Structures are given as structure tokens and as C-alpha cells.
Amino acid sequence: MRTAEVFQTFESTWNNCLPERRLAQLAIVKKQIPEEHIELFESMLDAKLSGIQDNPDTTVVLLIHGIQTDGAWQQLVQKSLSELSRTYVHGLGYECVSAAQLASPVRGSPVKKITQDIRDAKTLEPGAKFVVIAHSFGSYILSKVLSSCPDISFEKIILCGCIIPTTFPWAKHTRGMPKRSIINDVGTRDFYPVLATFSSVGYGASGRKGFQSPHIKDRYFDYDHSDFFEAKYNHIEKFWKPFISSGEIIESEWDQQKPKNGLHILMLSHPIVGKSLIALGIFLIAVIVAVLLKLIF
């Protein structure tokens, strides 16, 4: 067993066990660890039990991924933030969500799973400051957690590829948060939030248009849906790390030169107009196909 595998085994056990069962399960796992890695295993346990708890200077960053991005970008964030003092990163996951489930209104399972994970993290680290980064469907999950669990709050929130409706009542659900503590990083080439808006219910195009609200800091980038995690942009290091470490908001140069959304984007991203246009388009196609079939046969 390599060192990296020991680390992955420990983190997987810690993150996937109920708090009251963690120590017992880790004791079982420890028996399977080679002798040369026992010291490493025990040091990781000590860090969890004593290095994080009851320290108000500790920052815990929780990551909520979308349906097509899980471990890859979470590892990038962990690597970037590992240099910050007393900052710990935990990737929160859920069972695979298909495109069909994404489009359907039945999405309670991943919301329930992430809600419990957040509660577990806060129970284990009651004195820590909590930051959350949510991408795509992860942003939708976060909005449901905030709206249904008033006891769950964060010091900072970072959104990207966001599909939360632009009408989400942030003032109501984040009353205890400091000013300029919620950032929405927008990709001006990102079509997924628009697609989510007109193809289903409960979503919005905030990841393409921004919230345009005094409660949220919208930053615009010449990005597609997942370009925030591309190494060539260095987005995590340049824009997220300063915000998490000191609250500094680095402005985007693209804000001043970004193109305006075309009329088709504005119409499709409207929660009523967009769905009406798509329904009309489907109806017209069906009529045309029916006419052609009649002419042929």
C-alpha cells in the first residue's frame, strides 16, 4: 500500500462514516494498514481529533460538485488551499445523478445526503469557520440546504456554474453572513444554466447572467461551464484563495469587456418565456413532421 492510498483510505473512512462510528471503523481499518504506514495513519487521526476541533482560527472548506464533476476539481482546490494555515478541505459527494433525474423535479436524495454531511462536519468542528464552494447542480443543492435548514450557515459562499434561480431570497436565508461574503463567478460562454432553466423547473440562469443583487458579488469570466477548474486559467489560486484566506475579492478584468447576452439567451433563460418557446418549437416540429409524413404516405 502506497502513502497516497493510506491517505485516501483514511479520508474515505472518515468522510463516509457517521460521527459516532468513526473511531470504531478507523480502528478496524488501522489493522489493514502496513506497519510502515501506521505512524502516518495515527498522525492523520490526531490531526482530525485535536488539530481542527475547538479552534476559532480553523477554516473548513466544503466542496459540493455537480453531476459531471466530482473528485477532479476537489483535488485541485485541496492542493491550492493546503498552503493556508489551519484550512481544511472536505469534498462532499452523493450518488450519481443522471441527466433525466436532473431534469425531473425529484431531487431530494442528494440534498438530504449533503445536508447530513454538513451537519456532521459542523458537529465535529464546532469552533471552525465554514466556507462552501458549490458548482452547477451543487449550487442547487446548497440553495435547498439554506432554504430548509436555518441552523446551517456559512462565513463565505462561492458559486460557479450556478443554476440557482436569480430570484432566490438570499437576504432571507443568509441573514447572519457578513457583507461581501457571497461570490457568484459567472461564465459568459456557459449555456448549461440557460439549458437547465428552460428544460426543467427549480433552476435559474444565474451562472450565465448573474444574480444582479446587492447581496451577491457577481464576477464575469470568459469561461464555459467548468473552465473554473482548468489549470490554464489558475482560477482557484488567483480568485478563490485570497477570498477564503482574507476575504479579498479580486476583480475580473472581463467584467468591463464582457459581451451582452443576446436576445435569444435572455428569452430562453426566462423561467416562463423560455419554456413556452421550447414548447412552441416542439409543437411546430411535430406539426411539420406530421405534414411531411402525410405528404409522403
C-alpha atoms as a PDB file:
ATOM      1  CA  MET A   1       0.000   0.000   0.000  1.00  0.00           C
ATOM      2  CA  ARG A   2       1.394   3.370  -1.026  1.00  0.00           C
ATOM      3  CA  THR A   3       1.312   6.541   1.076  1.00  0.00           C
ATOM      4  CA  ALA A   4      -1.311   8.089  -1.194  1.00  0.00           C
ATOM      5  CA  GLU A   5      -3.531   5.021  -0.768  1.00  0.00           C
ATOM      6  CA  VAL A   6      -3.246   5.272   3.024  1.00  0.00           C
ATOM      7  CA  PHE A   7      -4.331   8.893   2.853  1.00  0.00           C
ATOM      8  CA  GLN A   8      -7.248   8.087   0.531  1.00  0.00           C
ATOM      9  CA  THR A   9      -8.360   5.174   2.733  1.00  0.00           C
ATOM     10  CA  PHE A  10      -8.298   7.327   5.857  1.00  0.00           C
ATOM     11  CA  GLU A  11     -10.185  10.225   4.233  1.00  0.00           C
ATOM     12  CA  SER A  12     -12.763   7.909   2.700  1.00  0.00           C
ATOM     13  CA  THR A  13     -13.418   6.190   6.041  1.00  0.00           C
ATOM     14  CA  TRP A  14     -13.593   9.488   7.913  1.00  0.00           C
ATOM     15  CA  ASN A  15     -15.962  11.138   5.400  1.00  0.00           C
ATOM     16  CA  ASN A  16     -18.279   8.183   4.868  1.00  0.00           C
ATOM     17  CA  CYS A  17     -18.867   7.100   8.471  1.00  0.00           C
ATOM     18  CA  LEU A  18     -21.349   8.512  10.931  1.00  0.00           C
ATOM     19  CA  PRO A  19     -19.557  10.562  13.635  1.00  0.00           C
ATOM     20  CA  GLU A  20     -20.382   8.082  16.392  1.00  0.00           C
ATOM     21  CA  ARG A  21     -18.944   5.183  14.364  1.00  0.00           C
ATOM     22  CA  ARG A  22     -15.785   6.796  13.007  1.00  0.00           C
ATOM     23  CA  LEU A  23     -13.327   5.759  15.716  1.00  0.00           C
ATOM     24  CA  ALA A  24     -14.519   2.155  15.726  1.00  0.00           C
ATOM     25  CA  GLN A  25     -14.345   1.922  11.943  1.00  0.00           C
ATOM     26  CA  LEU A  26     -10.910   3.562  11.838  1.00  0.00           C
ATOM     27  CA  ALA A  27      -9.670   1.029  14.381  1.00  0.00           C
ATOM     28  CA  ILE A  28     -10.735  -1.748  12.000  1.00  0.00           C
ATOM     29  CA  VAL A  29      -9.109  -0.030   9.036  1.00  0.00           C
ATOM     30  CA  LYS A  30      -5.889   0.505  11.009  1.00  0.00           C
ATOM     31  CA  LYS A  31      -5.411  -3.258  11.259  1.00  0.00           C
ATOM     32  CA  GLN A  32      -5.193  -3.404   7.472  1.00  0.00           C
ATOM     33  CA  ILE A  33      -2.546  -0.671   7.218  1.00  0.00           C
ATOM     34  CA  PRO A  34       1.060  -1.863   6.708  1.00  0.00           C
ATOM     35  CA  GLU A  35       3.351  -1.356   9.700  1.00  0.00           C
ATOM     36  CA  GLU A  36       5.462   1.253   7.923  1.00  0.00           C
ATOM     37  CA  HIS A  37       2.392   3.497   7.485  1.00  0.00           C
ATOM     38  CA  ILE A  38       0.914   3.179  10.981  1.00  0.00           C
ATOM     39  CA  GLU A  39       2.610   6.361  12.191  1.00  0.00           C
ATOM     40  CA  LEU A  40       1.174   8.295   9.244  1.00  0.00           C
ATOM     41  CA  PHE A  41      -2.285   6.866   9.907  1.00  0.00           C
ATOM     42  CA  GLU A  42      -2.141   7.818  13.579  1.00  0.00           C
ATOM     43  CA  SER A  43      -0.885  11.312  12.810  1.00  0.00           C
ATOM     44  CA  MET A  44      -3.824  11.900  10.471  1.00  0.00           C
ATOM     45  CA  LEU A  45      -6.194  10.772  13.210  1.00  0.00           C
ATOM     46  CA  ASP A  46      -4.520  13.071  15.743  1.00  0.00           C
ATOM     47  CA  ALA A  47      -4.841  15.977  13.323  1.00  0.00           C
ATOM     48  CA  LYS A  48      -8.543  15.305  12.924  1.00  0.00           C
ATOM     49  CA  LEU A  49      -9.235  14.977  16.632  1.00  0.00           C
ATOM     50  CA  SER A  50      -7.059  17.722  18.045  1.00  0.00           C
ATOM     51  CA  GLY A  51      -5.818  19.929  15.247  1.00  0.00           C
ATOM     52  CA  ILE A  52      -9.214  21.038  13.984  1.00  0.00           C
ATOM     53  CA  GLN A  53     -11.655  20.945  16.844  1.00  0.00           C
ATOM     54  CA  ASP A  54     -12.327  23.834  19.183  1.00  0.00           C
ATOM     55  CA  ASN A  55     -10.088  26.291  17.364  1.00  0.00           C
ATOM     56  CA  PRO A  56     -11.783  29.502  16.184  1.00  0.00           C
ATOM     57  CA  ASP A  57      -8.928  30.127  13.746  1.00  0.00           C
ATOM     58  CA  THR A  58      -9.707  26.974  11.793  1.00  0.00           C
ATOM     59  CA  THR A  59     -11.391  27.265   8.412  1.00  0.00           C
ATOM     60  CA  VAL A  60     -13.216  24.295   6.924  1.00  0.00           C
ATOM     61  CA  VAL A  61     -13.946  24.454   3.193  1.00  0.00           C
ATOM     62  CA  LEU A  62     -16.740  22.186   1.971  1.00  0.00           C
ATOM     63  CA  LEU A  63     -16.995  21.351  -1.739  1.00  0.00           C
ATOM     64  CA  ILE A  64     -20.261  20.371  -3.445  1.00  0.00           C
ATOM     65  CA  HIS A  65     -19.793  19.142  -7.007  1.00  0.00           C
ATOM     66  CA  GLY A  66     -22.136  18.979  -9.980  1.00  0.00           C
ATOM     67  CA  ILE A  67     -23.342  15.864 -11.786  1.00  0.00           C
ATOM     68  CA  GLN A  68     -20.304  15.599 -14.071  1.00  0.00           C
ATOM     69  CA  THR A  69     -17.500  16.963 -11.859  1.00  0.00           C
ATOM     70  CA  ASP A  70     -16.596  15.213  -8.624  1.00  0.00           C
ATOM     71  CA  GLY A  71     -13.135  14.355  -7.375  1.00  0.00           C
ATOM     72  CA  ALA A  72     -11.018  16.087 -10.008  1.00  0.00           C
ATOM     73  CA  TRP A  73     -11.704  19.720  -9.179  1.00  0.00           C
ATOM     74  CA  GLN A  74     -11.994  18.967  -5.474  1.00  0.00           C
ATOM     75  CA  GLN A  75      -8.413  17.724  -5.521  1.00  0.00           C
ATOM     76  CA  LEU A  76      -7.326  20.924  -7.254  1.00  0.00           C
ATOM     77  CA  VAL A  77      -8.927  23.010  -4.510  1.00  0.00           C
ATOM     78  CA  GLN A  78      -7.350  20.854  -1.795  1.00  0.00           C
ATOM     79  CA  LYS A  79      -3.927  21.253  -3.361  1.00  0.00           C
ATOM     80  CA  SER A  80      -4.277  25.025  -3.692  1.00  0.00           C
ATOM     81  CA  LEU A  81      -5.611  25.636  -0.191  1.00  0.00           C
ATOM     82  CA  SER A  82      -3.193  23.248   1.529  1.00  0.00           C
ATOM     83  CA  GLU A  83      -0.729  26.121   1.865  1.00  0.00           C
ATOM     84  CA  LEU A  84      -3.125  28.150   4.008  1.00  0.00           C
ATOM     85  CA  SER A  85      -2.684  27.844   7.756  1.00  0.00           C
ATOM     86  CA  ARG A  86      -5.345  25.829   9.576  1.00  0.00           C
ATOM     87  CA  THR A  87      -7.510  25.401   6.488  1.00  0.00           C
ATOM     88  CA  TYR A  88      -9.062  22.009   5.834  1.00  0.00           C
ATOM     89  CA  VAL A  89     -10.921  20.946   2.715  1.00  0.00           C
ATOM     90  CA  HIS A  90     -13.617  18.276   2.558  1.00  0.00           C
ATOM     91  CA  GLY A  91     -15.258  17.127  -0.660  1.00  0.00           C
ATOM     92  CA  LEU A  92     -18.898  16.211  -0.154  1.00  0.00           C
ATOM     93  CA  GLY A  93     -20.356  13.695  -2.573  1.00  0.00           C
ATOM     94  CA  TYR A  94     -23.617  11.994  -3.413  1.00  0.00           C
ATOM     95  CA  GLU A  95     -24.808   9.157  -5.608  1.00  0.00           C
ATOM     96  CA  CYS A  96     -24.682   9.687  -9.351  1.00  0.00           C
ATOM     97  CA  VAL A  97     -27.411  11.975 -10.668  1.00  0.00           C
ATOM     98  CA  SER A  98     -28.400  11.252 -14.257  1.00  0.00           C
ATOM     99  CA  ALA A  99     -29.461  13.859 -16.793  1.00  0.00           C
ATOM    100  CA  ALA A 100     -33.018  12.506 -16.506  1.00  0.00           C
ATOM    101  CA  GLN A 101     -33.045  12.965 -12.737  1.00  0.00           C
ATOM    102  CA  LEU A 102     -31.521  16.406 -13.153  1.00  0.00           C
ATOM    103  CA  ALA A 103     -34.431  17.371 -15.389  1.00  0.00           C
ATOM    104  CA  SER A 104     -37.050  15.817 -13.130  1.00  0.00           C
ATOM    105  CA  PRO A 105     -38.415  17.540 -10.012  1.00  0.00           C
ATOM    106  CA  VAL A 106     -37.408  14.555  -7.838  1.00  0.00           C
ATOM    107  CA  ARG A 107     -34.021  15.550  -6.403  1.00  0.00           C
ATOM    108  CA  GLY A 108     -34.417  15.026  -2.674  1.00  0.00           C
ATOM    109  CA  SER A 109     -31.853  12.247  -2.208  1.00  0.00           C
ATOM    110  CA  PRO A 110     -28.656  14.239  -2.925  1.00  0.00           C
ATOM    111  CA  VAL A 111     -29.997  17.228  -0.961  1.00  0.00           C
ATOM    112  CA  LYS A 112     -30.630  15.014   2.058  1.00  0.00           C
ATOM    113  CA  LYS A 113     -27.180  13.414   1.811  1.00  0.00           C
ATOM    114  CA  ILE A 114     -25.317  16.737   1.597  1.00  0.00           C
ATOM    115  CA  THR A 115     -27.396  18.250   4.404  1.00  0.00           C
ATOM    116  CA  GLN A 116     -26.388  15.424   6.721  1.00  0.00           C
ATOM    117  CA  ASP A 117     -22.740  15.709   5.676  1.00  0.00           C
ATOM    118  CA  ILE A 118     -22.728  19.417   6.520  1.00  0.00           C
ATOM    119  CA  ARG A 119     -24.309  18.750   9.908  1.00  0.00           C
ATOM    120  CA  ASP A 120     -21.699  16.071  10.610  1.00  0.00           C
ATOM    121  CA  ALA A 121     -18.862  18.429   9.702  1.00  0.00           C
ATOM    122  CA  LYS A 122     -20.208  21.170  11.947  1.00  0.00           C
ATOM    123  CA  THR A 123     -20.679  18.710  14.816  1.00  0.00           C
ATOM    124  CA  LEU A 124     -17.083  17.512  14.543  1.00  0.00           C
ATOM    125  CA  GLU A 125     -15.638  21.022  14.218  1.00  0.00           C
ATOM    126  CA  PRO A 126     -17.948  23.292  16.212  1.00  0.00           C
ATOM    127  CA  GLY A 127     -15.484  26.155  16.560  1.00  0.00           C
ATOM    128  CA  ALA A 128     -14.452  26.372  12.911  1.00  0.00           C
ATOM    129  CA  LYS A 129     -15.391  28.910  10.256  1.00  0.00           C
ATOM    130  CA  PHE A 130     -17.165  27.229   7.370  1.00  0.00           C
ATOM    131  CA  VAL A 131     -16.817  28.103   3.698  1.00  0.00           C
ATOM    132  CA  VAL A 132     -18.632  26.316   0.881  1.00  0.00           C
ATOM    133  CA  ILE A 133     -17.811  26.124  -2.830  1.00  0.00           C
ATOM    134  CA  ALA A 134     -20.650  24.815  -4.993  1.00  0.00           C
ATOM    135  CA  HIS A 135     -20.590  24.106  -8.726  1.00  0.00           C
ATOM    136  CA  SER A 136     -23.558  23.576 -11.056  1.00  0.00           C
ATOM    137  CA  PHE A 137     -26.043  21.105  -9.503  1.00  0.00           C
ATOM    138  CA  GLY A 138     -24.095  21.525  -6.277  1.00  0.00           C
ATOM    139  CA  SER A 139     -25.300  25.148  -6.187  1.00  0.00           C
ATOM    140  CA  TYR A 140     -28.894  23.928  -6.437  1.00  0.00           C
ATOM    141  CA  ILE A 141     -28.283  21.541  -3.531  1.00  0.00           C
ATOM    142  CA  LEU A 142     -26.811  24.396  -1.494  1.00  0.00           C
ATOM    143  CA  SER A 143     -29.856  26.602  -2.149  1.00  0.00           C
ATOM    144  CA  LYS A 144     -32.130  23.844  -0.853  1.00  0.00           C
ATOM    145  CA  VAL A 145     -29.987  23.372   2.255  1.00  0.00           C
ATOM    146  CA  LEU A 146     -30.033  27.105   3.025  1.00  0.00           C
ATOM    147  CA  SER A 147     -33.776  27.448   2.463  1.00  0.00           C
ATOM    148  CA  SER A 148     -34.788  24.412   4.514  1.00  0.00           C
ATOM    149  CA  CYS A 149     -32.190  24.430   7.314  1.00  0.00           C
ATOM    150  CA  PRO A 150     -31.984  27.802   9.120  1.00  0.00           C
ATOM    151  CA  ASP A 151     -29.483  26.311  11.598  1.00  0.00           C
ATOM    152  CA  ILE A 152     -26.908  25.812   8.806  1.00  0.00           C
ATOM    153  CA  SER A 153     -24.885  28.875   7.888  1.00  0.00           C
ATOM    154  CA  PHE A 154     -21.524  29.748   6.362  1.00  0.00           C
ATOM    155  CA  GLU A 155     -18.987  32.510   6.702  1.00  0.00           C
ATOM    156  CA  LYS A 156     -18.371  32.591   2.935  1.00  0.00           C
ATOM    157  CA  ILE A 157     -20.011  31.099  -0.145  1.00  0.00           C
ATOM    158  CA  ILE A 158     -18.502  30.666  -3.617  1.00  0.00           C
ATOM    159  CA  LEU A 159     -20.739  29.706  -6.534  1.00  0.00           C
ATOM    160  CA  CYS A 160     -19.714  28.790 -10.080  1.00  0.00           C
ATOM    161  CA  GLY A 161     -21.676  27.330 -12.979  1.00  0.00           C
ATOM    162  CA  CYS A 162     -24.623  28.306 -10.796  1.00  0.00           C
ATOM    163  CA  ILE A 163     -28.162  27.133 -11.603  1.00  0.00           C
ATOM    164  CA  ILE A 164     -29.951  28.780  -8.667  1.00  0.00           C
ATOM    165  CA  PRO A 165     -32.904  30.960  -9.759  1.00  0.00           C
ATOM    166  CA  THR A 166     -32.000  34.657  -9.897  1.00  0.00           C
ATOM    167  CA  THR A 167     -34.985  35.315  -7.617  1.00  0.00           C
ATOM    168  CA  PHE A 168     -33.567  33.250  -4.740  1.00  0.00           C
ATOM    169  CA  PRO A 169     -34.154  35.196  -1.478  1.00  0.00           C
ATOM    170  CA  TRP A 170     -30.567  35.478  -0.263  1.00  0.00           C
ATOM    171  CA  ALA A 171     -31.448  38.180   2.265  1.00  0.00           C
ATOM    172  CA  LYS A 172     -33.841  35.783   3.966  1.00  0.00           C
ATOM    173  CA  HIS A 173     -31.626  32.702   4.064  1.00  0.00           C
ATOM    174  CA  THR A 174     -28.206  34.279   4.768  1.00  0.00           C
ATOM    175  CA  ARG A 175     -29.043  36.951   7.329  1.00  0.00           C
ATOM    176  CA  GLY A 176     -26.143  36.125   9.604  1.00  0.00           C
ATOM    177  CA  MET A 177     -23.463  36.357   6.921  1.00  0.00           C
ATOM    178  CA  PRO A 178     -21.115  39.352   6.705  1.00  0.00           C
ATOM    179  CA  LYS A 179     -21.277  41.754   3.755  1.00  0.00           C
ATOM    180  CA  ARG A 180     -19.429  40.798   0.555  1.00  0.00           C
ATOM    181  CA  SER A 181     -19.246  37.190   1.661  1.00  0.00           C
ATOM    182  CA  ILE A 182     -21.099  35.553  -1.247  1.00  0.00           C
ATOM    183  CA  ILE A 183     -19.456  35.384  -4.659  1.00  0.00           C
ATOM    184  CA  ASN A 184     -21.048  34.154  -7.871  1.00  0.00           C
ATOM    185  CA  ASP A 185     -18.447  33.502 -10.571  1.00  0.00           C
ATOM    186  CA  VAL A 186     -20.192  33.642 -13.952  1.00  0.00           C
ATOM    187  CA  GLY A 187     -19.090  32.069 -17.221  1.00  0.00           C
ATOM    188  CA  THR A 188     -20.263  34.244 -20.122  1.00  0.00           C
ATOM    189  CA  ARG A 189     -19.999  31.269 -22.511  1.00  0.00           C
ATOM    190  CA  ASP A 190     -21.805  28.882 -20.170  1.00  0.00           C
ATOM    191  CA  PHE A 191     -25.026  27.558 -21.721  1.00  0.00           C
ATOM    192  CA  TYR A 192     -25.834  24.933 -19.068  1.00  0.00           C
ATOM    193  CA  PRO A 193     -27.623  27.315 -16.650  1.00  0.00           C
ATOM    194  CA  VAL A 194     -29.779  28.509 -19.553  1.00  0.00           C
ATOM    195  CA  LEU A 195     -30.483  24.921 -20.611  1.00  0.00           C
ATOM    196  CA  ALA A 196     -31.401  23.983 -17.031  1.00  0.00           C
ATOM    197  CA  THR A 197     -33.807  26.917 -16.807  1.00  0.00           C
ATOM    198  CA  PHE A 198     -35.905  26.178 -19.896  1.00  0.00           C
ATOM    199  CA  SER A 199     -35.718  22.381 -19.709  1.00  0.00           C
ATOM    200  CA  SER A 200     -36.881  21.853 -16.138  1.00  0.00           C
ATOM    201  CA  VAL A 201     -38.242  23.532 -13.017  1.00  0.00           C
ATOM    202  CA  GLY A 202     -36.481  24.937  -9.985  1.00  0.00           C
ATOM    203  CA  TYR A 203     -33.363  26.159 -11.796  1.00  0.00           C
ATOM    204  CA  GLY A 204     -32.159  29.542 -12.988  1.00  0.00           C
ATOM    205  CA  ALA A 205     -29.557  31.110 -15.276  1.00  0.00           C
ATOM    206  CA  SER A 206     -27.572  32.863 -12.532  1.00  0.00           C
ATOM    207  CA  GLY A 207     -24.424  31.124 -13.789  1.00  0.00           C
ATOM    208  CA  ARG A 208     -24.793  32.894 -17.133  1.00  0.00           C
ATOM    209  CA  LYS A 209     -26.443  36.227 -16.283  1.00  0.00           C
ATOM    210  CA  GLY A 210     -25.519  36.700 -12.637  1.00  0.00           C
ATOM    211  CA  PHE A 211     -27.932  37.448  -9.781  1.00  0.00           C
ATOM    212  CA  GLN A 212     -27.608  41.221 -10.143  1.00  0.00           C
ATOM    213  CA  SER A 213     -28.443  41.556  -6.460  1.00  0.00           C
ATOM    214  CA  PRO A 214     -26.874  43.670  -3.690  1.00  0.00           C
ATOM    215  CA  HIS A 215     -26.451  40.521  -1.624  1.00  0.00           C
ATOM    216  CA  ILE A 216     -24.211  38.787  -4.181  1.00  0.00           C
ATOM    217  CA  LYS A 217     -20.946  39.801  -5.815  1.00  0.00           C
ATOM    218  CA  ASP A 218     -21.186  38.686  -9.454  1.00  0.00           C
ATOM    219  CA  ARG A 219     -17.863  38.297 -11.271  1.00  0.00           C
ATOM    220  CA  TYR A 220     -17.822  37.594 -15.002  1.00  0.00           C
ATOM    221  CA  PHE A 221     -15.248  35.500 -16.855  1.00  0.00           C
ATOM    222  CA  ASP A 222     -14.759  34.388 -20.440  1.00  0.00           C
ATOM    223  CA  TYR A 223     -15.451  30.806 -19.353  1.00  0.00           C
ATOM    224  CA  ASP A 224     -17.550  27.816 -20.234  1.00  0.00           C
ATOM    225  CA  HIS A 225     -19.315  25.702 -17.595  1.00  0.00           C
ATOM    226  CA  SER A 226     -16.301  24.051 -15.960  1.00  0.00           C
ATOM    227  CA  ASP A 227     -13.445  26.324 -17.015  1.00  0.00           C
ATOM    228  CA  PHE A 228     -13.056  27.470 -13.403  1.00  0.00           C
ATOM    229  CA  PHE A 229     -11.135  24.233 -12.840  1.00  0.00           C
ATOM    230  CA  GLU A 230      -8.914  24.375 -15.920  1.00  0.00           C
ATOM    231  CA  ALA A 231      -5.232  24.690 -14.975  1.00  0.00           C
ATOM    232  CA  LYS A 232      -4.553  27.264 -17.701  1.00  0.00           C
ATOM    233  CA  TYR A 233      -6.817  29.825 -16.002  1.00  0.00           C
ATOM    234  CA  ASN A 234      -5.379  29.330 -12.496  1.00  0.00           C
ATOM    235  CA  HIS A 235      -8.760  30.469 -11.191  1.00  0.00           C
ATOM    236  CA  ILE A 236      -8.649  28.716  -7.830  1.00  0.00           C
ATOM    237  CA  GLU A 237      -5.266  30.179  -6.894  1.00  0.00           C
ATOM    238  CA  LYS A 238      -5.917  33.666  -8.260  1.00  0.00           C
ATOM    239  CA  PHE A 239      -9.534  34.318  -7.311  1.00  0.00           C
ATOM    240  CA  TRP A 240     -10.689  31.847  -4.638  1.00  0.00           C
ATOM    241  CA  LYS A 241      -7.656  31.507  -2.430  1.00  0.00           C
ATOM    242  CA  PRO A 242      -7.434  35.244  -1.486  1.00  0.00           C
ATOM    243  CA  PHE A 243     -11.166  35.327  -0.772  1.00  0.00           C
ATOM    244  CA  ILE A 244     -11.020  32.293   1.510  1.00  0.00           C
ATOM    245  CA  SER A 245      -7.855  33.340   3.332  1.00  0.00           C
ATOM    246  CA  SER A 246      -8.574  37.036   3.898  1.00  0.00           C
ATOM    247  CA  GLY A 247     -11.909  37.924   2.314  1.00  0.00           C
ATOM    248  CA  GLU A 248     -10.184  39.796  -0.520  1.00  0.00           C
ATOM    249  CA  ILE A 249     -12.263  39.938  -3.692  1.00  0.00           C
ATOM    250  CA  ILE A 250     -10.089  40.091  -6.799  1.00  0.00           C
ATOM    251  CA  GLU A 251     -11.956  41.841  -9.587  1.00  0.00           C
ATOM    252  CA  SER A 252     -12.262  40.211 -13.007  1.00  0.00           C
ATOM    253  CA  GLU A 253     -10.901  42.152 -15.973  1.00  0.00           C
ATOM    254  CA  TRP A 254     -13.600  40.546 -18.116  1.00  0.00           C
ATOM    255  CA  ASP A 255     -16.296  42.466 -16.183  1.00  0.00           C
ATOM    256  CA  GLN A 256     -15.568  45.580 -18.223  1.00  0.00           C
ATOM    257  CA  GLN A 257     -15.398  43.932 -21.644  1.00  0.00           C
ATOM    258  CA  LYS A 258     -17.898  41.098 -21.422  1.00  0.00           C
ATOM    259  CA  PRO A 259     -20.412  40.915 -24.289  1.00  0.00           C
ATOM    260  CA  LYS A 260     -24.082  41.483 -23.605  1.00  0.00           C
ATOM    261  CA  ASN A 261     -26.308  38.428 -23.596  1.00  0.00           C
ATOM    262  CA  GLY A 262     -28.208  38.144 -26.871  1.00  0.00           C
ATOM    263  CA  LEU A 263     -31.979  38.320 -27.012  1.00  0.00           C
ATOM    264  CA  HIS A 264     -32.182  34.554 -27.502  1.00  0.00           C
ATOM    265  CA  ILE A 265     -30.271  33.960 -24.238  1.00  0.00           C
ATOM    266  CA  LEU A 266     -32.424  36.441 -22.338  1.00  0.00           C
ATOM    267  CA  MET A 267     -35.607  34.825 -23.625  1.00  0.00           C
ATOM    268  CA  LEU A 268     -34.509  31.217 -23.101  1.00  0.00           C
ATOM    269  CA  SER A 269     -33.254  31.951 -19.580  1.00  0.00           C
ATOM    270  CA  HIS A 270     -36.608  33.428 -18.559  1.00  0.00           C
ATOM    271  CA  PRO A 271     -38.395  30.799 -16.402  1.00  0.00           C
ATOM    272  CA  ILE A 272     -41.703  31.230 -18.270  1.00  0.00           C
ATOM    273  CA  VAL A 273     -40.812  32.576 -21.710  1.00  0.00           C
ATOM    274  CA  GLY A 274     -38.025  30.040 -22.207  1.00  0.00           C
ATOM    275  CA  LYS A 275     -40.235  27.034 -21.503  1.00  0.00           C
ATOM    276  CA  SER A 276     -43.003  28.488 -23.687  1.00  0.00           C
ATOM    277  CA  LEU A 277     -40.634  28.951 -26.621  1.00  0.00           C
ATOM    278  CA  ILE A 278     -39.307  25.404 -26.315  1.00  0.00           C
ATOM    279  CA  ALA A 279     -42.852  24.007 -26.099  1.00  0.00           C
ATOM    280  CA  LEU A 280     -43.846  26.029 -29.150  1.00  0.00           C
ATOM    281  CA  GLY A 281     -40.771  24.810 -31.035  1.00  0.00           C
ATOM    282  CA  ILE A 282     -41.528  21.176 -30.221  1.00  0.00           C
ATOM    283  CA  PHE A 283     -45.145  21.665 -31.288  1.00  0.00           C
ATOM    284  CA  LEU A 284     -44.144  23.214 -34.623  1.00  0.00           C
ATOM    285  CA  ILE A 285     -41.654  20.449 -35.325  1.00  0.00           C
ATOM    286  CA  ALA A 286     -44.319  17.846 -34.578  1.00  0.00           C
ATOM    287  CA  VAL A 287     -46.741  19.576 -36.961  1.00  0.00           C
ATOM    288  CA  ILE A 288     -44.132  19.771 -39.715  1.00  0.00           C
ATOM    289  CA  VAL A 289     -43.224  16.095 -39.286  1.00  0.00           C
ATOM    290  CA  ALA A 290     -46.912  15.127 -39.368  1.00  0.00           C
ATOM    291  CA  VAL A 291     -47.476  17.117 -42.573  1.00  0.00           C
ATOM    292  CA  LEU A 292     -44.411  15.604 -44.239  1.00  0.00           C
ATOM    293  CA  LEU A 293     -45.447  12.095 -43.296  1.00  0.00           C
ATOM    294  CA  LYS A 294     -48.910  12.735 -44.709  1.00  0.00           C
ATOM    295  CA  LEU A 295     -47.448  14.005 -47.963  1.00  0.00           C
ATOM    296  CA  ILE A 296     -45.112  11.037 -48.273  1.00  0.00           C
ATOM    297  CA  PHE A 297     -47.616   8.332 -47.437  1.00  0.00           C
END
